[in-house]
């Protein structure tokens, strides 16, 4: 689960530019959220939801990505530190 979520949320960092207006990317996030929400295995764990830091980071990424999607951000330069 951790690997699957981290792979998806770090996908924009693996590109020089990223299209946040891409509905496919947001569909994958939505599908993953639905998958874990419906998982009976996760519901039966009765433990805490994981590291508070991991939960915060995921919510932060989701909020940022959602904002960028609403703004229809295309060709957003991710690795712009190389040009400093």
N, C-alpha and C. Protein backbone atom coordinates (compact mmCIF):
# COMPACT_ATOMS: atom_id res chain seq x y z
N UNK A 1 0.83 -1.18 0.00
CA UNK A 1 0.00 0.00 0.00
C UNK A 1 0.89 1.26 0.00
N UNK A 2 1.89 1.29 0.87
CA UNK A 2 2.78 2.44 0.95
C UNK A 2 3.47 2.69 -0.38
N UNK A 3 3.99 1.62 -0.97
CA UNK A 3 4.69 1.75 -2.26
C UNK A 3 3.75 2.25 -3.35
N UNK A 4 2.54 1.73 -3.37
CA UNK A 4 1.57 2.12 -4.39
C UNK A 4 1.21 3.60 -4.27
N UNK A 5 0.97 4.05 -3.04
CA UNK A 5 0.62 5.45 -2.82
C UNK A 5 1.80 6.38 -3.12
N UNK A 6 2.96 6.00 -2.64
CA UNK A 6 4.14 6.83 -2.86
C UNK A 6 4.50 6.93 -4.34
N UNK A 7 4.37 5.82 -5.05
CA UNK A 7 4.66 5.82 -6.48
C UNK A 7 3.75 6.78 -7.23
N UNK A 8 2.48 6.79 -6.86
CA UNK A 8 1.52 7.67 -7.53
C UNK A 8 1.76 9.13 -7.17
N UNK A 9 1.93 9.43 -5.88
CA UNK A 9 2.07 10.82 -5.45
C UNK A 9 3.40 11.44 -5.84
N UNK A 10 4.41 10.64 -6.11
CA UNK A 10 5.70 11.21 -6.54
C UNK A 10 5.85 11.22 -8.06
N UNK A 11 4.85 10.77 -8.77
CA UNK A 11 4.91 10.72 -10.24
C UNK A 11 5.30 12.06 -10.86
N UNK A 12 4.76 13.20 -10.41
CA UNK A 12 5.17 14.47 -11.02
C UNK A 12 6.66 14.78 -10.84
N UNK A 13 7.29 14.26 -9.81
CA UNK A 13 8.70 14.54 -9.56
C UNK A 13 9.63 13.74 -10.45
N UNK A 14 9.08 12.80 -11.18
CA UNK A 14 9.88 11.99 -12.09
C UNK A 14 9.91 12.57 -13.50
N UNK A 15 9.29 13.71 -13.67
CA UNK A 15 9.19 14.36 -14.98
C UNK A 15 9.86 15.74 -14.91
N UNK A 16 10.35 16.19 -16.03
CA UNK A 16 10.88 17.54 -16.11
C UNK A 16 9.74 18.56 -16.06
N UNK A 17 8.65 18.24 -16.75
CA UNK A 17 7.43 19.04 -16.73
C UNK A 17 6.25 18.10 -16.49
N UNK A 18 5.21 18.60 -15.85
CA UNK A 18 4.06 17.76 -15.56
C UNK A 18 2.78 18.50 -15.91
N UNK A 19 1.82 17.76 -16.43
CA UNK A 19 0.51 18.31 -16.80
C UNK A 19 -0.49 17.95 -15.70
N UNK A 20 -0.73 18.89 -14.80
CA UNK A 20 -1.67 18.65 -13.71
C UNK A 20 -3.12 18.69 -14.17
N UNK A 21 -3.36 19.13 -15.40
CA UNK A 21 -4.73 19.13 -15.92
C UNK A 21 -5.13 17.77 -16.46
N UNK A 22 -4.21 16.80 -16.43
CA UNK A 22 -4.45 15.46 -16.96
C UNK A 22 -5.48 14.72 -16.10
N UNK A 23 -6.64 14.44 -16.69
CA UNK A 23 -7.70 13.75 -15.96
C UNK A 23 -7.34 12.30 -15.64
N UNK A 24 -6.46 11.70 -16.41
CA UNK A 24 -6.06 10.31 -16.16
C UNK A 24 -5.31 10.22 -14.83
N UNK A 25 -4.40 11.15 -14.59
CA UNK A 25 -3.64 11.17 -13.33
C UNK A 25 -4.59 11.30 -12.14
N UNK A 26 -5.57 12.21 -12.23
CA UNK A 26 -6.50 12.39 -11.12
C UNK A 26 -7.48 11.24 -11.01
N UNK A 27 -7.74 10.57 -12.09
CA UNK A 27 -8.54 9.35 -12.03
C UNK A 27 -7.82 8.25 -11.27
N UNK A 28 -6.50 8.16 -11.47
CA UNK A 28 -5.71 7.17 -10.74
C UNK A 28 -5.72 7.46 -9.24
N UNK A 29 -5.61 8.73 -8.87
CA UNK A 29 -5.66 9.10 -7.45
C UNK A 29 -7.02 8.75 -6.87
N UNK A 30 -8.07 9.06 -7.60
CA UNK A 30 -9.43 8.76 -7.15
C UNK A 30 -9.66 7.26 -7.00
N UNK A 31 -9.19 6.50 -7.99
CA UNK A 31 -9.34 5.05 -7.95
C UNK A 31 -8.60 4.44 -6.76
N UNK A 32 -7.40 4.95 -6.50
CA UNK A 32 -6.61 4.44 -5.38
C UNK A 32 -7.31 4.74 -4.05
N UNK A 33 -7.83 5.96 -3.92
CA UNK A 33 -8.56 6.33 -2.70
C UNK A 33 -9.78 5.45 -2.49
N UNK A 34 -10.52 5.20 -3.56
CA UNK A 34 -11.71 4.34 -3.47
C UNK A 34 -11.33 2.91 -3.11
N UNK A 35 -10.24 2.45 -3.67
CA UNK A 35 -9.78 1.09 -3.39
C UNK A 35 -9.48 0.91 -1.91
N UNK A 36 -8.77 1.86 -1.33
CA UNK A 36 -8.42 1.74 0.08
C UNK A 36 -9.59 2.03 1.00
N UNK A 37 -10.50 2.88 0.56
CA UNK A 37 -11.68 3.18 1.36
C UNK A 37 -12.58 1.94 1.48
N UNK A 38 -12.64 1.15 0.41
CA UNK A 38 -13.50 -0.03 0.38
C UNK A 38 -12.82 -1.30 0.90
N UNK A 39 -11.52 -1.21 1.19
CA UNK A 39 -10.76 -2.40 1.60
C UNK A 39 -11.20 -2.91 2.97
N UNK A 40 -11.76 -4.10 2.98
CA UNK A 40 -12.18 -4.70 4.25
C UNK A 40 -10.96 -5.06 5.10
N UNK A 41 -9.84 -5.34 4.46
CA UNK A 41 -8.61 -5.66 5.20
C UNK A 41 -8.16 -4.45 6.03
N UNK A 42 -8.21 -3.28 5.45
CA UNK A 42 -7.82 -2.08 6.18
C UNK A 42 -8.82 -1.73 7.28
N UNK A 43 -10.10 -1.94 7.01
CA UNK A 43 -11.12 -1.65 8.02
C UNK A 43 -10.98 -2.56 9.24
N UNK A 44 -10.50 -3.78 9.03
CA UNK A 44 -10.39 -4.74 10.13
C UNK A 44 -9.10 -4.61 10.93
N UNK A 45 -8.22 -3.71 10.56
CA UNK A 45 -6.94 -3.59 11.25
C UNK A 45 -7.08 -3.00 12.66
N UNK A 46 -8.05 -2.17 12.89
CA UNK A 46 -8.30 -1.55 14.20
C UNK A 46 -7.10 -0.80 14.76
N UNK A 47 -6.10 -0.55 13.99
CA UNK A 47 -4.94 0.21 14.46
C UNK A 47 -5.08 1.65 14.06
N UNK A 48 -4.04 2.40 14.37
CA UNK A 48 -4.10 3.79 13.93
C UNK A 48 -3.89 3.84 12.41
N UNK A 49 -4.04 4.99 11.84
CA UNK A 49 -4.03 5.12 10.39
C UNK A 49 -2.63 5.26 9.81
N UNK A 50 -1.64 5.12 10.62
CA UNK A 50 -0.27 5.24 10.13
C UNK A 50 0.41 6.45 10.72
N UNK A 51 1.60 6.67 10.29
CA UNK A 51 2.39 7.80 10.76
C UNK A 51 1.68 9.11 10.48
N UNK A 52 1.60 9.97 11.47
CA UNK A 52 0.94 11.26 11.27
C UNK A 52 1.70 12.08 10.23
N UNK A 53 2.99 11.87 10.12
CA UNK A 53 3.79 12.60 9.14
C UNK A 53 3.45 12.13 7.72
N UNK A 54 3.29 10.81 7.54
CA UNK A 54 2.94 10.26 6.24
C UNK A 54 1.55 10.73 5.82
N UNK A 55 0.62 10.74 6.76
CA UNK A 55 -0.74 11.20 6.46
C UNK A 55 -0.72 12.68 6.08
N UNK A 56 0.05 13.49 6.81
CA UNK A 56 0.16 14.92 6.50
C UNK A 56 0.73 15.14 5.11
N UNK A 57 1.80 14.43 4.79
CA UNK A 57 2.44 14.59 3.47
C UNK A 57 1.46 14.22 2.36
N UNK A 58 0.74 13.10 2.53
CA UNK A 58 -0.21 12.69 1.49
C UNK A 58 -1.32 13.71 1.32
N UNK A 59 -1.83 14.25 2.42
CA UNK A 59 -2.88 15.27 2.32
C UNK A 59 -2.33 16.54 1.67
N UNK A 60 -1.09 16.87 1.98
CA UNK A 60 -0.47 18.06 1.38
C UNK A 60 -0.32 17.88 -0.12
N UNK A 61 0.21 16.73 -0.54
CA UNK A 61 0.34 16.46 -1.98
C UNK A 61 -1.01 16.50 -2.65
N UNK A 62 -1.99 15.83 -2.06
CA UNK A 62 -3.31 15.78 -2.67
C UNK A 62 -3.89 17.19 -2.81
N UNK A 63 -3.76 18.01 -1.77
CA UNK A 63 -4.28 19.37 -1.83
C UNK A 63 -3.60 20.20 -2.90
N UNK A 64 -2.28 20.09 -2.98
CA UNK A 64 -1.53 20.83 -4.00
C UNK A 64 -1.89 20.36 -5.40
N UNK A 65 -1.93 19.05 -5.59
CA UNK A 65 -2.26 18.50 -6.91
C UNK A 65 -3.68 18.88 -7.31
N UNK A 66 -4.59 18.87 -6.36
CA UNK A 66 -5.98 19.22 -6.65
C UNK A 66 -6.08 20.69 -7.05
N UNK A 67 -5.35 21.56 -6.36
CA UNK A 67 -5.33 22.97 -6.73
C UNK A 67 -4.75 23.17 -8.13
N UNK A 68 -3.66 22.49 -8.41
CA UNK A 68 -3.04 22.61 -9.73
C UNK A 68 -3.97 22.08 -10.82
N UNK A 69 -4.72 21.03 -10.50
CA UNK A 69 -5.68 20.47 -11.47
C UNK A 69 -6.82 21.46 -11.71
N UNK A 70 -7.33 22.07 -10.63
CA UNK A 70 -8.40 23.06 -10.78
C UNK A 70 -7.95 24.25 -11.62
N UNK A 71 -6.69 24.61 -11.51
CA UNK A 71 -6.13 25.73 -12.28
C UNK A 71 -5.74 25.31 -13.70
N UNK A 72 -5.88 24.02 -14.00
CA UNK A 72 -5.53 23.46 -15.31
C UNK A 72 -4.07 23.72 -15.66
N UNK A 73 -3.20 23.48 -14.67
CA UNK A 73 -1.77 23.71 -14.85
C UNK A 73 -1.15 22.74 -15.85
N UNK A 74 -0.68 23.26 -16.96
CA UNK A 74 -0.03 22.45 -17.99
C UNK A 74 1.42 22.86 -18.09
N UNK A 75 2.25 21.92 -18.47
CA UNK A 75 3.67 22.17 -18.68
C UNK A 75 4.32 22.87 -17.48
N UNK A 76 4.00 22.38 -16.29
CA UNK A 76 4.57 22.93 -15.06
C UNK A 76 5.97 22.36 -14.88
N UNK A 77 6.96 23.24 -14.81
CA UNK A 77 8.35 22.81 -14.67
C UNK A 77 8.56 22.34 -13.24
N UNK A 78 8.96 21.09 -13.09
CA UNK A 78 9.14 20.51 -11.77
C UNK A 78 10.58 20.67 -11.30
N UNK A 79 11.51 20.35 -12.15
CA UNK A 79 12.93 20.37 -11.79
C UNK A 79 13.58 21.67 -12.21
N UNK A 80 12.98 22.80 -11.85
CA UNK A 80 13.51 24.08 -12.29
C UNK A 80 14.74 24.53 -11.49
N UNK A 81 15.11 23.82 -10.44
CA UNK A 81 16.30 24.17 -9.67
C UNK A 81 17.58 23.99 -10.49
N UNK A 82 17.52 23.23 -11.56
CA UNK A 82 18.71 22.98 -12.38
C UNK A 82 19.16 24.25 -13.10
N UNK A 83 18.26 25.20 -13.28
CA UNK A 83 18.59 26.41 -14.03
C UNK A 83 19.04 27.56 -13.15
N UNK A 84 19.22 27.33 -11.87
CA UNK A 84 19.64 28.42 -10.97
C UNK A 84 21.10 28.73 -11.11
